[in-house]
Every structure is written in C-alpha cells, then in structure tokens.
Amino acid sequence: MTTIGLIGAGHIGSQIARKAVQLGYQVVLSNRRGPEVLGDLVQELGDHARAASPAEAAETADLAVVTVPLKAIGSVPIEPLIGKIVIDTNNYYPQRDGQITALDEETTTTAQMLQEHLPESFVVKAFNHIPAADITTAGRPAGDPDRRALAVASDHDAALLVVSRLLDRFGFDPVPIQPLSESWRIQRDTPGYVQPLTAPQLVHALALAKRYRDM
C-alpha cells in the first residue's frame, strides 16, 4: 500500500494527509469544491501529494479515506472504490447533517450507511474519535506505556488488519471492534470519544458505552 486517496480534505483529512506524507505515503487529496482550492495544502505537503477530483482520488487509492460530512456521503464515488478498503471517519451531528431517522432510532451507524453506499468496498471505521490535530502530534512509539489507543471497526477481517497496521504506523494502538454495527460504541458522547486513553482504558470505555436511548 503506497497511495492514500482522501475524499474530503478538511480538518481530519488534512491531518491524515500530513501524517501519511511524513511516513512516506503518496496522498491524493480531493474535495467537493475542486482541486484548485487545495493548492496551499498540496504545496505544504510537497512532492508526495497532489490534488484531484474525488473520482480520481478514489481510482488512484490503494487505501481510501472518506472524510466528508455525513450529509454528503451520497456523493462518494462508488465504482472506483469497488474491491478497496475505505476508512470512514464520520460522526453524526444533526445540526450539521440534518435529522437522519435511522441514526436517530439507532437502527444503523454512520459506518454502516457508508458500507451500504459502497456495497462492494470494505469499510472500516477509524479516526472518528480523536481531535484532528492529535493525529499528527499524539502518536508514540509501540511499547510506550502512555501510547494512545484508537478504535477500529469493520465486518472484514483483512481490512481491519490493514487499517490496524496503519494506526500503528501513525503511532497509536489499535483496538478492534467487530462487527461494524458495534461501531456505535465510539460515537460522539460515549466514554471513549475524544478521550486520550491507552488500549486497556479504551477497551473499558467501549464496554461502558450506552446507546443514546439508554443515556
């Protein structure tokens, strides 16, 4: 895996791109407004980065990251992502995304919605419960007793392993969740959300998580 394609280049996407470039990955950035508005970020990132359309970023990616607002996931290209691992970083904010009945009723999760939109891709939930700036600053070497942990959820074992290895390279201990429907355990307002926890602490926080209806 050498190229990470980012569909969305906001706070989270840009920080993932910065860390990826530091580690030697190629990144292809895209957003809904067009590649021309990403010139400053591409210049900052250097020779390992370029801007493209979302479709081209998806086509070029060995690993794709969808980091657009939830209300925009219907615009994520489908065909170029067939057979690929796709990281979903999203959270549901009704004030931004509008009310989504299935999420309000907790019959699905944001990651399951993306998996339904991309039925032939392998969706993995990751990077949704860490402040964007911490992606490039909070990583620590493996074995550090204070190393931060990040949850990673998927229905697909191989995809879960690939993204877990990426988190490790980024400086975080991966804590796997399966199936993807259990990714609600790290949604906003749960005990582990945006908290700098070690792996044992995060495992405990995930176990304590409650559905919104039970809070």
Protein backbone atom coordinates (compact mmCIF):
# COMPACT_ATOMS: atom_id res chain seq x y z
CA MET A 1 0.00 0.00 0.00
CA THR A 2 1.63 3.20 -1.15
CA THR A 3 -1.13 5.67 -2.08
CA ILE A 4 -3.82 7.02 0.23
CA GLY A 5 -6.71 8.71 -1.54
CA LEU A 6 -8.64 11.23 0.53
CA ILE A 7 -12.22 12.06 -0.34
CA GLY A 8 -12.55 15.18 1.73
CA ALA A 9 -9.66 17.35 2.89
CA GLY A 10 -10.99 19.21 5.90
CA HIS A 11 -9.63 19.06 9.44
CA ILE A 12 -9.35 15.28 9.69
CA GLY A 13 -8.43 14.64 6.06
CA SER A 14 -5.67 17.21 6.00
CA GLN A 15 -4.14 15.86 9.20
CA ILE A 16 -4.23 12.27 7.95
CA ALA A 17 -2.53 13.53 4.78
CA ARG A 18 0.19 15.30 6.77
CA LYS A 19 0.95 12.23 8.85
CA ALA A 20 0.85 9.93 5.82
CA VAL A 21 3.34 12.09 3.92
CA GLN A 22 5.65 12.12 6.95
CA LEU A 23 5.63 8.33 6.81
CA GLY A 24 6.41 8.20 3.11
CA TYR A 25 2.99 7.53 1.62
CA GLN A 26 1.75 9.20 -1.54
CA VAL A 27 -1.50 11.09 -0.96
CA VAL A 28 -4.13 12.22 -3.43
CA LEU A 29 -6.43 14.87 -1.99
CA SER A 30 -9.88 15.82 -3.14
CA ASN A 31 -12.94 17.75 -2.06
CA ARG A 32 -16.27 18.83 -3.44
CA ARG A 33 -15.04 22.31 -4.42
CA GLY A 34 -12.36 21.11 -6.82
CA PRO A 35 -8.60 20.52 -6.73
CA GLU A 36 -7.72 24.16 -7.36
CA VAL A 37 -8.71 25.12 -3.78
CA LEU A 38 -6.24 22.59 -2.34
CA GLY A 39 -3.15 24.27 -3.76
CA ASP A 40 -1.82 25.59 -0.45
CA LEU A 41 -2.15 22.23 1.28
CA VAL A 42 -0.53 20.37 -1.61
CA GLN A 43 2.34 22.87 -1.64
CA GLU A 44 2.81 22.37 2.11
CA LEU A 45 2.84 18.58 1.74
CA GLY A 46 5.36 18.57 -1.09
CA ASP A 47 6.19 16.07 -3.78
CA HIS A 48 4.29 13.20 -2.16
CA ALA A 49 0.92 14.93 -2.57
CA ARG A 50 -1.33 16.11 -5.34
CA ALA A 51 -4.93 17.25 -5.72
CA ALA A 52 -7.56 15.60 -7.89
CA SER A 53 -11.28 15.06 -8.25
CA PRO A 54 -12.96 12.67 -5.77
CA ALA A 55 -13.33 10.09 -8.52
CA GLU A 56 -9.64 10.27 -9.41
CA ALA A 57 -8.59 10.14 -5.75
CA ALA A 58 -10.72 7.03 -5.35
CA GLU A 59 -9.38 5.46 -8.55
CA THR A 60 -5.75 6.09 -7.61
CA ALA A 61 -6.03 4.99 -3.99
CA ASP A 62 -4.61 1.78 -2.64
CA LEU A 63 -6.46 2.78 0.53
CA ALA A 64 -9.22 5.39 0.55
CA VAL A 65 -10.37 7.70 3.35
CA VAL A 66 -13.87 9.16 3.26
CA THR A 67 -13.88 12.24 5.45
CA VAL A 68 -16.73 14.34 4.10
CA PRO A 69 -19.70 15.49 6.21
CA LEU A 70 -22.20 12.70 6.71
CA LYS A 71 -24.84 14.51 4.69
CA ALA A 72 -22.51 14.28 1.66
CA ILE A 73 -21.77 10.53 1.63
CA GLY A 74 -24.16 10.06 -1.27
CA SER A 75 -21.62 11.94 -3.40
CA VAL A 76 -18.81 9.47 -2.64
CA PRO A 77 -17.87 7.72 -5.91
CA ILE A 78 -18.85 4.05 -5.95
CA GLU A 79 -17.28 2.37 -8.98
CA PRO A 80 -13.65 3.44 -8.35
CA LEU A 81 -13.82 2.06 -4.80
CA ILE A 82 -15.02 -1.43 -5.69
CA GLY A 83 -12.79 -4.01 -4.01
CA LYS A 84 -10.92 -1.38 -1.96
CA ILE A 85 -10.59 -0.70 1.75
CA VAL A 86 -12.35 2.54 2.69
CA ILE A 87 -11.83 4.26 6.04
CA ASP A 88 -14.87 6.12 7.38
CA THR A 89 -14.01 8.95 9.81
CA ASN A 90 -17.53 10.34 10.19
CA ASN A 91 -19.73 11.24 13.12
CA TYR A 92 -23.39 12.22 13.13
CA TYR A 93 -24.12 15.83 14.03
CA PRO A 94 -27.81 16.58 13.37
CA GLN A 95 -27.21 20.33 13.47
CA ARG A 96 -24.82 19.90 10.53
CA ASP A 97 -26.20 16.84 8.76
CA GLY A 98 -29.92 17.25 9.35
CA GLN A 99 -32.02 14.65 11.12
CA ILE A 100 -31.42 11.10 9.84
CA THR A 101 -34.21 8.84 11.09
CA ALA A 102 -32.23 5.59 11.09
CA LEU A 103 -29.49 7.16 13.18
CA ASP A 104 -31.97 8.87 15.50
CA GLU A 105 -33.66 5.49 16.02
CA GLU A 106 -30.25 3.79 16.30
CA THR A 107 -31.08 1.11 13.77
CA THR A 108 -27.81 1.72 11.92
CA THR A 109 -24.49 3.54 12.29
CA THR A 110 -22.68 6.07 10.16
CA ALA A 111 -20.19 3.44 9.02
CA GLN A 112 -22.95 1.03 8.06
CA MET A 113 -24.52 3.80 5.99
CA LEU A 114 -21.26 4.18 4.08
CA GLN A 115 -20.97 0.41 3.69
CA GLU A 116 -24.49 0.36 2.22
CA HIS A 117 -23.48 3.11 -0.20
CA LEU A 118 -20.32 1.16 -1.13
CA PRO A 119 -21.57 -2.45 -1.14
CA GLU A 120 -18.50 -3.85 -2.90
CA SER A 121 -15.94 -1.98 -0.78
CA PHE A 122 -14.55 -2.91 2.63
CA VAL A 123 -15.49 -0.15 5.06
CA VAL A 124 -13.51 0.37 8.26
CA LYS A 125 -14.42 2.88 10.95
CA ALA A 126 -11.35 4.78 12.24
CA PHE A 127 -10.08 8.24 13.21
CA ASN A 128 -13.57 9.40 14.27
CA HIS A 129 -12.86 9.82 17.98
CA ILE A 130 -9.62 11.78 18.05
CA PRO A 131 -9.31 15.57 17.69
CA ALA A 132 -7.91 16.26 14.24
CA ALA A 133 -4.74 17.99 15.46
CA ASP A 134 -3.86 14.99 17.63
CA ILE A 135 -3.50 12.76 14.57
CA THR A 136 -0.13 14.36 13.83
CA THR A 137 1.00 15.13 17.38
CA ALA A 138 -0.22 12.44 19.77
CA GLY A 139 1.39 9.33 18.26
CA ARG A 140 4.03 7.47 20.29
CA PRO A 141 6.30 4.50 19.61
CA ALA A 142 4.99 0.99 20.13
CA GLY A 143 5.51 -0.13 23.70
CA ASP A 144 5.23 3.32 25.24
CA PRO A 145 3.06 2.80 28.36
CA ASP A 146 1.15 6.01 27.63
CA ARG A 147 0.54 5.26 23.97
CA ARG A 148 -2.90 6.39 22.91
CA ALA A 149 -5.33 3.82 21.51
CA LEU A 150 -7.81 4.23 18.68
CA ALA A 151 -10.77 2.02 17.92
CA VAL A 152 -11.05 0.40 14.51
CA ALA A 153 -14.25 -1.38 13.40
CA SER A 154 -15.17 -3.47 10.38
CA ASP A 155 -17.06 -6.52 9.17
CA HIS A 156 -13.98 -7.57 7.18
CA ASP A 157 -11.03 -9.20 8.95
CA ALA A 158 -8.40 -8.42 6.32
CA ALA A 159 -9.46 -4.77 6.08
CA LEU A 160 -9.45 -4.49 9.87
CA LEU A 161 -5.88 -5.78 9.93
CA VAL A 162 -4.69 -3.36 7.23
CA VAL A 163 -6.13 -0.31 8.98
CA SER A 164 -4.90 -1.53 12.37
CA ARG A 165 -1.38 -1.62 10.93
CA LEU A 166 -1.86 1.91 9.58
CA LEU A 167 -2.90 3.15 13.03
CA ASP A 168 0.17 1.50 14.50
CA ARG A 169 2.38 3.28 11.96
CA PHE A 170 0.67 6.54 12.85
CA GLY A 171 1.69 5.94 16.47
CA PHE A 172 -1.48 4.54 18.04
CA ASP A 173 -2.52 1.19 19.50
CA PRO A 174 -5.46 -0.21 17.51
CA VAL A 175 -8.40 -1.62 19.46
CA PRO A 176 -10.56 -3.72 17.12
CA ILE A 177 -14.35 -3.76 17.18
CA GLN A 178 -16.47 -6.27 15.29
CA PRO A 179 -18.94 -6.29 13.68
CA LEU A 180 -19.25 -2.86 12.09
CA SER A 181 -22.66 -2.43 13.73
CA GLU A 182 -20.86 -2.17 17.10
CA SER A 183 -19.02 0.96 15.98
CA TRP A 184 -21.68 2.99 17.83
CA ARG A 185 -19.59 2.28 20.94
CA ILE A 186 -17.17 5.04 19.90
CA GLN A 187 -19.67 7.57 18.53
CA ARG A 188 -19.96 11.08 19.99
CA ASP A 189 -20.83 11.35 23.69
CA THR A 190 -19.64 7.83 24.54
CA PRO A 191 -16.98 7.35 27.27
CA GLY A 192 -14.12 6.84 24.80
CA TYR A 193 -14.98 9.67 22.44
CA VAL A 194 -12.06 12.13 22.03
CA GLN A 195 -10.50 10.88 25.27
CA PRO A 196 -6.72 10.17 25.26
CA LEU A 197 -6.94 6.59 26.52
CA THR A 198 -4.49 3.71 26.48
CA ALA A 199 -5.61 0.41 24.97
CA PRO A 200 -6.83 -1.13 28.27
CA GLN A 201 -8.62 2.10 29.13
CA LEU A 202 -10.27 2.26 25.72
CA VAL A 203 -11.40 -1.37 25.95
CA HIS A 204 -13.04 -0.49 29.27
CA ALA A 205 -14.64 2.65 27.82
CA LEU A 206 -16.08 0.69 24.90
CA ALA A 207 -17.62 -1.79 27.33
CA LEU A 208 -19.22 1.05 29.28
CA ALA A 209 -20.74 2.72 26.21
CA LYS A 210 -24.52 3.07 26.13
CA ARG A 211 -26.94 3.76 23.32
CA TYR A 212 -28.28 7.30 23.28
CA ARG A 213 -31.71 5.97 24.21
CA ASP A 214 -30.24 4.45 27.36
CA MET A 215 -28.29 7.52 28.49
